[in-house]
N, C-alpha and C. Protein backbone atom coordinates (compact mmCIF):
# COMPACT_ATOMS: atom_id res chain seq x y z
N MET A 1 139.69 -98.69 -258.33
CA MET A 1 139.75 -99.09 -256.81
C MET A 1 141.19 -98.49 -256.37
N PRO A 2 141.26 -98.09 -255.22
CA PRO A 2 142.18 -97.96 -254.40
C PRO A 2 143.53 -98.58 -254.43
N GLU A 3 144.44 -98.37 -254.60
CA GLU A 3 145.61 -99.04 -254.62
C GLU A 3 145.52 -100.34 -253.57
N SER A 4 145.66 -100.24 -252.64
CA SER A 4 145.57 -101.34 -251.69
C SER A 4 145.32 -100.90 -249.94
N SER A 5 144.58 -101.61 -249.31
CA SER A 5 144.42 -101.14 -247.99
C SER A 5 145.38 -102.07 -247.07
N ASN A 6 146.41 -102.84 -247.67
CA ASN A 6 147.26 -103.62 -246.80
C ASN A 6 148.82 -102.57 -246.58
N GLY A 7 148.90 -101.56 -247.22
CA GLY A 7 149.87 -100.73 -247.03
C GLY A 7 149.91 -100.10 -245.69
N PRO A 8 150.86 -98.86 -245.36
CA PRO A 8 151.20 -98.38 -244.20
C PRO A 8 149.66 -97.66 -243.63
N ASP A 9 149.50 -97.45 -242.44
CA ASP A 9 148.42 -96.98 -241.76
C ASP A 9 148.29 -95.25 -242.40
N PRO A 10 146.88 -95.21 -243.11
CA PRO A 10 146.94 -94.00 -243.59
C PRO A 10 146.60 -92.89 -243.06
N ARG A 11 146.21 -93.05 -241.82
CA ARG A 11 145.56 -92.09 -240.62
C ARG A 11 146.59 -91.05 -240.46
N SER A 12 146.02 -90.02 -240.38
CA SER A 12 146.79 -88.66 -240.35
C SER A 12 147.46 -88.43 -239.14
N PRO A 13 148.76 -88.17 -239.46
CA PRO A 13 149.49 -88.15 -238.06
C PRO A 13 149.01 -87.46 -237.10
N GLY A 14 149.11 -87.96 -235.65
CA GLY A 14 148.40 -87.20 -234.66
C GLY A 14 147.06 -87.57 -234.28
N LYS A 15 146.47 -88.17 -235.19
CA LYS A 15 144.97 -88.58 -234.96
C LYS A 15 144.84 -89.68 -234.04
N PRO A 16 144.03 -89.28 -232.80
CA PRO A 16 144.01 -90.57 -231.84
C PRO A 16 142.86 -91.55 -232.37
N PRO A 17 143.14 -92.81 -232.03
CA PRO A 17 142.17 -93.67 -232.45
C PRO A 17 140.72 -93.70 -231.60
N ALA A 18 139.49 -94.08 -232.41
CA ALA A 18 138.56 -94.05 -231.82
C ALA A 18 138.56 -94.60 -230.38
N THR A 19 137.69 -94.24 -229.40
CA THR A 19 137.57 -94.80 -228.13
C THR A 19 136.71 -96.01 -228.32
N PRO A 20 136.82 -96.89 -227.39
CA PRO A 20 135.99 -98.14 -227.37
C PRO A 20 134.40 -97.64 -227.20
N ALA A 21 134.06 -96.76 -226.75
CA ALA A 21 132.43 -96.26 -226.90
C ALA A 21 132.33 -96.06 -228.47
N GLU A 22 132.89 -95.28 -228.90
CA GLU A 22 132.67 -95.01 -230.34
C GLU A 22 132.74 -96.20 -231.25
N ASN A 23 133.54 -97.09 -230.83
CA ASN A 23 133.70 -98.22 -231.75
C ASN A 23 132.57 -99.09 -231.64
N ARG A 24 131.81 -99.35 -230.58
CA ARG A 24 130.77 -100.36 -230.33
C ARG A 24 129.47 -99.57 -230.82
N ALA A 25 129.45 -98.26 -231.30
CA ALA A 25 128.31 -97.81 -231.97
C ALA A 25 128.33 -98.51 -233.23
N GLY A 26 129.40 -98.85 -234.06
CA GLY A 26 129.06 -99.20 -235.13
C GLY A 26 129.63 -100.74 -235.39
N LEU A 27 129.87 -101.59 -234.25
CA LEU A 27 130.01 -102.98 -234.32
C LEU A 27 128.81 -103.92 -234.93
N GLY A 28 127.82 -103.61 -234.61
CA GLY A 28 126.53 -104.27 -235.38
C GLY A 28 126.60 -103.87 -236.84
N LEU A 29 126.71 -102.66 -237.41
CA LEU A 29 126.66 -102.53 -238.62
C LEU A 29 128.11 -102.96 -239.56
N LEU A 30 129.07 -103.18 -238.73
CA LEU A 30 130.26 -104.13 -239.28
C LEU A 30 130.00 -105.48 -239.18
N ALA A 31 129.07 -105.77 -238.64
CA ALA A 31 128.68 -107.35 -238.53
C ALA A 31 127.53 -107.45 -239.86
N GLN A 32 126.90 -106.58 -239.72
CA GLN A 32 125.91 -106.66 -241.41
C GLN A 32 126.74 -106.71 -242.59
N ALA A 33 127.75 -105.84 -242.45
CA ALA A 33 128.33 -105.54 -243.79
C ALA A 33 129.27 -107.26 -243.86
N ARG A 34 129.69 -107.57 -242.79
CA ARG A 34 130.52 -109.02 -243.15
C ARG A 34 129.41 -109.62 -243.69
N ALA A 35 128.25 -109.96 -243.18
CA ALA A 35 127.30 -110.69 -243.30
C ALA A 35 127.18 -110.62 -244.96
N GLY A 36 126.76 -109.20 -245.40
CA GLY A 36 126.32 -108.92 -246.64
C GLY A 36 127.50 -109.55 -247.61
N LEU A 37 128.68 -109.40 -247.29
CA LEU A 37 129.91 -109.73 -248.16
C LEU A 37 129.70 -111.17 -248.10
N ALA A 38 129.52 -111.92 -247.11
CA ALA A 38 129.39 -113.48 -247.27
C ALA A 38 128.35 -113.60 -248.31
N VAL A 39 126.96 -113.08 -248.11
CA VAL A 39 126.24 -113.43 -249.23
C VAL A 39 126.40 -113.32 -250.72
N ALA A 40 127.02 -111.78 -250.76
CA ALA A 40 127.64 -111.40 -251.91
C ALA A 40 128.55 -112.33 -252.77
N ARG A 41 129.47 -112.82 -251.83
CA ARG A 41 130.53 -113.98 -252.28
C ARG A 41 129.73 -114.78 -252.79
N SER A 42 128.87 -115.32 -252.49
CA SER A 42 128.15 -116.54 -252.85
C SER A 42 127.05 -116.45 -253.96
N ALA A 43 126.77 -115.26 -254.60
CA ALA A 43 125.98 -114.81 -255.44
C ALA A 43 126.64 -115.22 -256.83
N LEU A 44 125.77 -116.04 -257.48
CA LEU A 44 126.06 -116.45 -258.81
C LEU A 44 125.89 -115.23 -260.08
N ASP A 45 125.13 -114.75 -259.69
CA ASP A 45 124.72 -113.54 -261.02
C ASP A 45 125.64 -112.21 -260.52
N PRO A 46 126.37 -111.66 -261.50
CA PRO A 46 127.27 -110.57 -261.48
C PRO A 46 126.69 -109.54 -261.08
N SER A 47 125.36 -109.24 -261.53
CA SER A 47 124.96 -107.60 -260.96
C SER A 47 124.47 -107.99 -259.55
N GLU A 48 123.76 -109.23 -259.13
CA GLU A 48 123.58 -109.18 -257.70
C GLU A 48 124.78 -109.15 -256.86
N ARG A 49 125.75 -109.89 -257.58
CA ARG A 49 127.14 -109.81 -256.35
C ARG A 49 127.69 -108.27 -256.39
N PHE A 50 127.51 -107.67 -257.39
CA PHE A 50 127.58 -106.25 -257.38
C PHE A 50 127.16 -105.29 -256.65
N ARG A 51 125.66 -105.47 -256.46
CA ARG A 51 124.60 -104.90 -255.87
C ARG A 51 124.83 -105.09 -254.31
N LEU A 52 125.17 -106.35 -253.97
CA LEU A 52 125.20 -106.55 -252.41
C LEU A 52 126.58 -106.29 -251.96
N ALA A 53 127.71 -106.02 -253.16
CA ALA A 53 128.94 -105.77 -252.25
C ALA A 53 128.92 -104.21 -252.28
N HIS A 54 128.08 -103.66 -253.15
CA HIS A 54 127.99 -102.02 -252.84
C HIS A 54 127.18 -101.78 -251.53
N LEU A 55 126.18 -102.52 -251.34
CA LEU A 55 125.40 -102.35 -250.09
C LEU A 55 126.00 -102.72 -248.88
N ALA A 56 127.15 -103.61 -248.75
CA ALA A 56 127.74 -103.96 -247.53
C ALA A 56 128.71 -102.96 -247.68
N ALA A 57 129.46 -102.13 -248.58
CA ALA A 57 130.31 -100.85 -248.25
C ALA A 57 129.57 -99.91 -247.82
N LEU A 58 128.17 -99.83 -248.04
CA LEU A 58 127.39 -98.54 -247.42
C LEU A 58 127.02 -98.78 -246.10
N ARG A 59 126.99 -100.02 -245.56
CA ARG A 59 126.98 -100.53 -244.22
C ARG A 59 128.19 -100.04 -243.41
N VAL A 60 129.28 -100.38 -244.34
CA VAL A 60 130.49 -100.18 -243.77
C VAL A 60 130.74 -98.49 -243.44
N ALA A 61 130.23 -97.82 -244.25
CA ALA A 61 130.30 -96.56 -244.26
C ALA A 61 129.44 -95.79 -243.00
N ALA A 62 128.46 -96.52 -242.82
CA ALA A 62 127.48 -96.33 -241.88
C ALA A 62 128.21 -96.44 -240.55
N ALA A 63 128.81 -97.47 -240.45
CA ALA A 63 129.50 -97.87 -239.21
C ALA A 63 130.30 -96.85 -238.91
N LEU A 64 131.26 -96.40 -239.69
CA LEU A 64 132.10 -94.93 -239.59
C LEU A 64 131.32 -94.34 -239.46
N PHE A 65 130.22 -93.53 -239.77
CA PHE A 65 129.43 -92.52 -239.30
C PHE A 65 128.95 -92.80 -237.75
N ALA A 66 128.76 -93.84 -237.32
CA ALA A 66 128.16 -94.11 -236.19
C ALA A 66 129.65 -93.95 -235.08
N ALA A 67 130.46 -94.33 -235.54
CA ALA A 67 132.05 -94.21 -234.35
C ALA A 67 132.36 -92.77 -234.51
N ARG A 68 132.27 -91.96 -235.63
CA ARG A 68 132.93 -90.69 -235.52
C ARG A 68 131.86 -89.54 -235.83
N SER A 69 130.73 -89.46 -235.90
CA SER A 69 129.90 -88.36 -236.42
C SER A 69 129.40 -87.83 -235.01
N ARG A 70 129.11 -86.81 -234.75
CA ARG A 70 128.49 -86.24 -233.47
C ARG A 70 126.85 -85.84 -233.97
N PRO A 71 126.09 -85.99 -233.42
CA PRO A 71 124.79 -85.22 -233.54
C PRO A 71 124.94 -83.49 -234.16
N ALA A 72 123.84 -83.64 -235.15
CA ALA A 72 123.76 -82.07 -235.48
C ALA A 72 123.08 -81.23 -234.70
N THR A 73 123.47 -79.84 -234.30
CA THR A 73 122.75 -79.14 -233.69
C THR A 73 121.68 -78.24 -234.23
N ARG A 74 121.76 -78.47 -235.69
CA ARG A 74 120.91 -77.80 -236.43
C ARG A 74 120.85 -78.45 -237.70
N PRO A 75 119.79 -78.52 -238.56
CA PRO A 75 119.32 -79.30 -239.92
C PRO A 75 120.62 -79.16 -240.72
N ARG A 76 120.95 -80.19 -241.28
CA ARG A 76 122.14 -80.19 -242.36
C ARG A 76 121.51 -80.30 -243.81
N ARG A 77 122.14 -80.29 -244.53
CA ARG A 77 121.69 -80.53 -246.16
C ARG A 77 121.92 -81.79 -246.35
N LEU A 78 121.35 -82.59 -247.00
CA LEU A 78 121.23 -83.58 -247.62
C LEU A 78 122.65 -83.81 -248.30
N ARG A 79 123.51 -84.93 -247.75
CA ARG A 79 124.55 -85.33 -248.65
C ARG A 79 124.73 -86.76 -248.76
N SER A 80 125.41 -87.26 -249.84
CA SER A 80 125.56 -88.71 -250.05
C SER A 80 126.36 -89.36 -248.74
N ALA A 81 126.19 -90.43 -248.94
CA ALA A 81 127.23 -91.38 -247.81
C ALA A 81 128.36 -91.28 -248.12
N TRP A 82 129.17 -91.27 -249.29
CA TRP A 82 130.60 -90.95 -249.77
C TRP A 82 131.04 -89.68 -249.60
N ALA A 83 130.00 -88.64 -249.65
CA ALA A 83 130.80 -87.34 -249.44
C ALA A 83 130.94 -86.96 -247.82
N LEU A 84 130.07 -88.01 -246.96
CA LEU A 84 130.26 -88.09 -245.54
C LEU A 84 131.56 -88.60 -245.37
N VAL A 85 131.75 -89.70 -245.78
CA VAL A 85 133.11 -90.29 -246.04
C VAL A 85 134.13 -89.20 -245.70
N GLU A 86 134.17 -88.70 -246.90
CA GLU A 86 135.31 -87.71 -247.16
C GLU A 86 135.47 -86.81 -246.01
N THR A 87 134.24 -86.22 -245.33
CA THR A 87 134.44 -85.16 -244.25
C THR A 87 134.77 -85.91 -243.13
N LEU A 88 134.25 -87.06 -243.00
CA LEU A 88 134.62 -87.55 -241.39
C LEU A 88 136.06 -88.30 -241.39
N ALA A 89 136.42 -88.77 -242.56
CA ALA A 89 137.66 -89.42 -242.71
C ALA A 89 138.44 -89.23 -244.25
N PRO A 90 138.94 -88.08 -244.18
CA PRO A 90 139.75 -87.88 -245.44
C PRO A 90 140.66 -88.77 -245.80
N GLU A 91 141.07 -89.53 -244.90
CA GLU A 91 141.97 -90.55 -245.28
C GLU A 91 141.61 -91.56 -245.93
N LEU A 92 140.18 -91.89 -246.13
CA LEU A 92 139.41 -92.85 -246.90
C LEU A 92 138.82 -92.27 -248.12
N SER A 93 139.23 -91.04 -248.31
CA SER A 93 138.44 -90.42 -249.48
C SER A 93 138.57 -90.81 -251.10
N GLU A 94 139.87 -91.82 -251.22
CA GLU A 94 139.76 -92.58 -252.71
C GLU A 94 138.70 -93.67 -252.51
N TRP A 95 138.59 -94.25 -251.15
CA TRP A 95 137.37 -95.01 -251.20
C TRP A 95 136.06 -94.98 -251.53
N ALA A 96 135.96 -93.63 -251.01
CA ALA A 96 134.74 -92.65 -251.24
C ALA A 96 134.48 -92.53 -252.65
N ALA A 97 135.50 -92.12 -253.30
CA ALA A 97 135.33 -91.62 -254.79
C ALA A 97 135.17 -92.73 -255.38
N TYR A 98 136.00 -93.90 -255.15
CA TYR A 98 135.63 -95.22 -255.88
C TYR A 98 134.14 -95.71 -255.56
N PHE A 99 133.53 -95.85 -254.41
CA PHE A 99 132.22 -96.08 -254.32
C PHE A 99 131.22 -95.41 -255.02
N ALA A 100 131.56 -93.96 -254.85
CA ALA A 100 130.55 -92.78 -255.41
C ALA A 100 130.30 -93.16 -256.80
N GLY A 101 131.52 -93.57 -257.49
CA GLY A 101 131.73 -93.93 -259.02
C GLY A 101 130.91 -94.93 -259.35
N SER A 102 130.65 -95.91 -258.41
CA SER A 102 130.09 -97.22 -258.68
C SER A 102 128.37 -97.20 -258.20
N ALA A 103 128.15 -96.09 -257.51
CA ALA A 103 126.80 -96.18 -256.99
C ALA A 103 125.67 -95.66 -258.17
N GLY A 104 125.97 -95.33 -259.10
CA GLY A 104 125.11 -95.14 -260.39
C GLY A 104 124.72 -96.52 -261.09
N THR A 105 125.94 -97.38 -260.75
CA THR A 105 125.70 -98.89 -261.33
C THR A 105 124.84 -99.45 -260.92
N ARG A 106 125.11 -99.55 -259.30
CA ARG A 106 124.06 -100.17 -258.53
C ARG A 106 122.75 -99.73 -258.59
N ALA A 107 122.46 -98.46 -258.63
CA ALA A 107 121.22 -97.66 -258.90
C ALA A 107 120.48 -98.54 -259.91
N ALA A 108 121.15 -98.75 -261.17
CA ALA A 108 120.80 -99.15 -262.17
C ALA A 108 120.57 -100.56 -262.50
N VAL A 109 121.40 -101.14 -261.80
CA VAL A 109 121.09 -102.59 -261.58
C VAL A 109 119.81 -103.00 -260.69
N GLU A 110 119.43 -101.83 -259.68
CA GLU A 110 118.51 -102.11 -258.89
C GLU A 110 116.98 -101.73 -259.81
N ALA A 111 117.33 -100.89 -260.74
CA ALA A 111 116.45 -100.54 -261.74
C ALA A 111 116.06 -101.82 -262.70
N GLY A 112 116.84 -102.49 -263.06
CA GLY A 112 116.70 -103.59 -263.97
C GLY A 112 117.88 -103.95 -264.95
N ALA A 113 118.87 -103.18 -265.04
CA ALA A 113 119.48 -103.23 -265.78
C ALA A 113 120.93 -104.21 -265.67
N VAL A 114 120.50 -105.62 -265.45
CA VAL A 114 121.17 -106.60 -264.97
C VAL A 114 122.22 -106.79 -265.85
N SER A 115 122.14 -106.60 -267.16
CA SER A 115 123.40 -106.92 -268.02
C SER A 115 124.46 -106.01 -268.12
N LEU A 116 124.47 -104.92 -267.59
CA LEU A 116 125.20 -103.93 -267.10
C LEU A 116 126.57 -104.30 -266.67
N VAL A 117 126.51 -105.04 -265.72
CA VAL A 117 127.76 -105.55 -264.93
C VAL A 117 128.31 -107.08 -265.13
N SER A 118 129.74 -106.88 -265.61
CA SER A 118 130.32 -108.09 -266.01
C SER A 118 130.92 -108.90 -264.66
N GLU A 119 131.11 -110.08 -265.17
CA GLU A 119 131.94 -110.78 -263.81
C GLU A 119 132.88 -110.42 -263.22
N ARG A 120 134.16 -109.55 -264.28
CA ARG A 120 135.00 -108.88 -263.64
C ARG A 120 134.52 -107.50 -262.70
N ASP A 121 133.50 -106.76 -263.23
CA ASP A 121 132.97 -105.66 -262.43
C ASP A 121 132.52 -106.09 -261.14
N ALA A 122 131.78 -107.18 -261.23
CA ALA A 122 131.33 -107.49 -259.86
C ALA A 122 132.44 -108.18 -258.77
N ASP A 123 133.28 -109.04 -259.40
CA ASP A 123 134.44 -109.34 -258.69
C ASP A 123 135.17 -108.29 -257.89
N GLU A 124 135.62 -107.46 -258.78
CA GLU A 124 136.12 -105.95 -258.48
C GLU A 124 135.52 -105.09 -257.33
N GLN A 125 134.20 -105.14 -257.44
CA GLN A 125 133.34 -104.47 -256.32
C GLN A 125 133.48 -105.08 -255.20
N LEU A 126 133.25 -106.50 -255.24
CA LEU A 126 133.26 -107.23 -254.08
C LEU A 126 134.97 -107.18 -253.14
N LEU A 127 135.75 -107.28 -254.04
CA LEU A 127 137.22 -107.25 -253.40
C LEU A 127 137.34 -105.67 -252.72
N ALA A 128 136.86 -104.52 -253.51
CA ALA A 128 136.75 -103.38 -253.07
C ALA A 128 136.20 -103.14 -251.81
N ALA A 129 134.87 -103.83 -251.44
CA ALA A 129 134.04 -103.60 -250.49
C ALA A 129 134.90 -104.37 -249.26
N GLU A 130 135.38 -105.24 -249.55
CA GLU A 130 136.09 -106.29 -248.55
C GLU A 130 137.35 -105.39 -248.18
N GLN A 131 138.13 -104.99 -248.69
CA GLN A 131 139.38 -103.94 -248.54
C GLN A 131 138.91 -102.62 -247.87
N PHE A 132 137.68 -102.10 -248.50
CA PHE A 132 137.00 -101.12 -247.51
C PHE A 132 136.63 -101.19 -246.35
N LEU A 133 136.15 -102.58 -246.01
CA LEU A 133 135.91 -103.08 -244.61
C LEU A 133 136.93 -102.84 -243.91
N ALA A 134 138.33 -103.77 -244.22
CA ALA A 134 139.45 -103.98 -243.64
C ALA A 134 139.90 -102.14 -243.07
N ALA A 135 139.90 -101.44 -244.13
CA ALA A 135 140.55 -100.15 -244.07
C ALA A 135 139.74 -99.30 -242.65
N VAL A 136 138.45 -99.56 -242.84
CA VAL A 136 137.62 -98.89 -241.82
C VAL A 136 138.13 -99.39 -240.55
N GLU A 137 137.76 -100.66 -240.26
CA GLU A 137 138.25 -101.37 -239.07
C GLU A 137 139.45 -100.88 -238.47
N ARG A 138 140.56 -100.81 -239.56
CA ARG A 138 142.04 -100.37 -239.05
C ARG A 138 141.71 -98.80 -238.41
N GLU A 139 140.88 -97.99 -239.09
CA GLU A 139 140.72 -96.58 -238.93
C GLU A 139 139.91 -96.60 -237.38
N LEU A 140 139.28 -97.50 -237.11
CA LEU A 140 138.35 -97.61 -235.79
C LEU A 140 139.33 -98.23 -234.96
N GLY A 141 140.33 -98.47 -235.15
CA GLY A 141 141.17 -99.45 -234.13
C GLY A 141 140.79 -100.98 -233.89
N LEU A 142 139.99 -101.60 -234.68
CA LEU A 142 139.61 -102.71 -234.40
C LEU A 142 140.44 -103.77 -235.39
N LEU A 143 140.46 -104.78 -235.02
CA LEU A 143 141.30 -105.80 -235.54
C LEU A 143 140.53 -106.37 -236.41
N ALA A 144 140.94 -106.50 -237.85
CA ALA A 144 139.94 -106.89 -238.78
C ALA A 144 140.26 -108.52 -238.62
N ALA A 145 139.13 -109.28 -238.75
CA ALA A 145 138.52 -110.33 -238.74
C ALA A 145 138.95 -111.01 -240.33
N PRO A 146 139.57 -112.22 -240.08
CA PRO A 146 139.74 -112.31 -241.74
C PRO A 146 138.24 -112.94 -242.33
N LEU A 147 138.07 -112.45 -243.64
CA LEU A 147 136.83 -112.96 -244.26
C LEU A 147 136.79 -114.04 -244.63
N ALA A 148 135.58 -114.97 -244.22
CA ALA A 148 135.42 -116.43 -244.64
C ALA A 148 135.47 -116.43 -246.37
N SER A 149 136.22 -117.25 -246.90
CA SER A 149 136.41 -117.56 -248.21
C SER A 149 135.14 -118.49 -249.09
């Protein structure tokens, strides 16, 4: 998991914050991510908590895409969400690498390998997703609302 999202603003120097119109595009996805994190937080099964936290992180990434990407003028090759995060927000590349690394575990859990995830793994994934949400909100120039405990 990347060091911390509470440190100095990792935004590249001179990079302007997103406009209000760009921010609005992803607000619904951020709300879905927050709701998903709340459900994950209450999940008793570690594999389910892990899966839900990872899906919430994907929604956070989708909110970033909504705010920062532009429509393609020609077809593009298929890329993972985490590769796109690295392209659109290089300052979040550590987060992208972290979640890309845990995507296989999420897929295995969805395929039935529920014993693959420990309590610690699930809690770490949840914490990472919450920190990623806060980091993206800062990148988009939004005030991060506290997550419910």
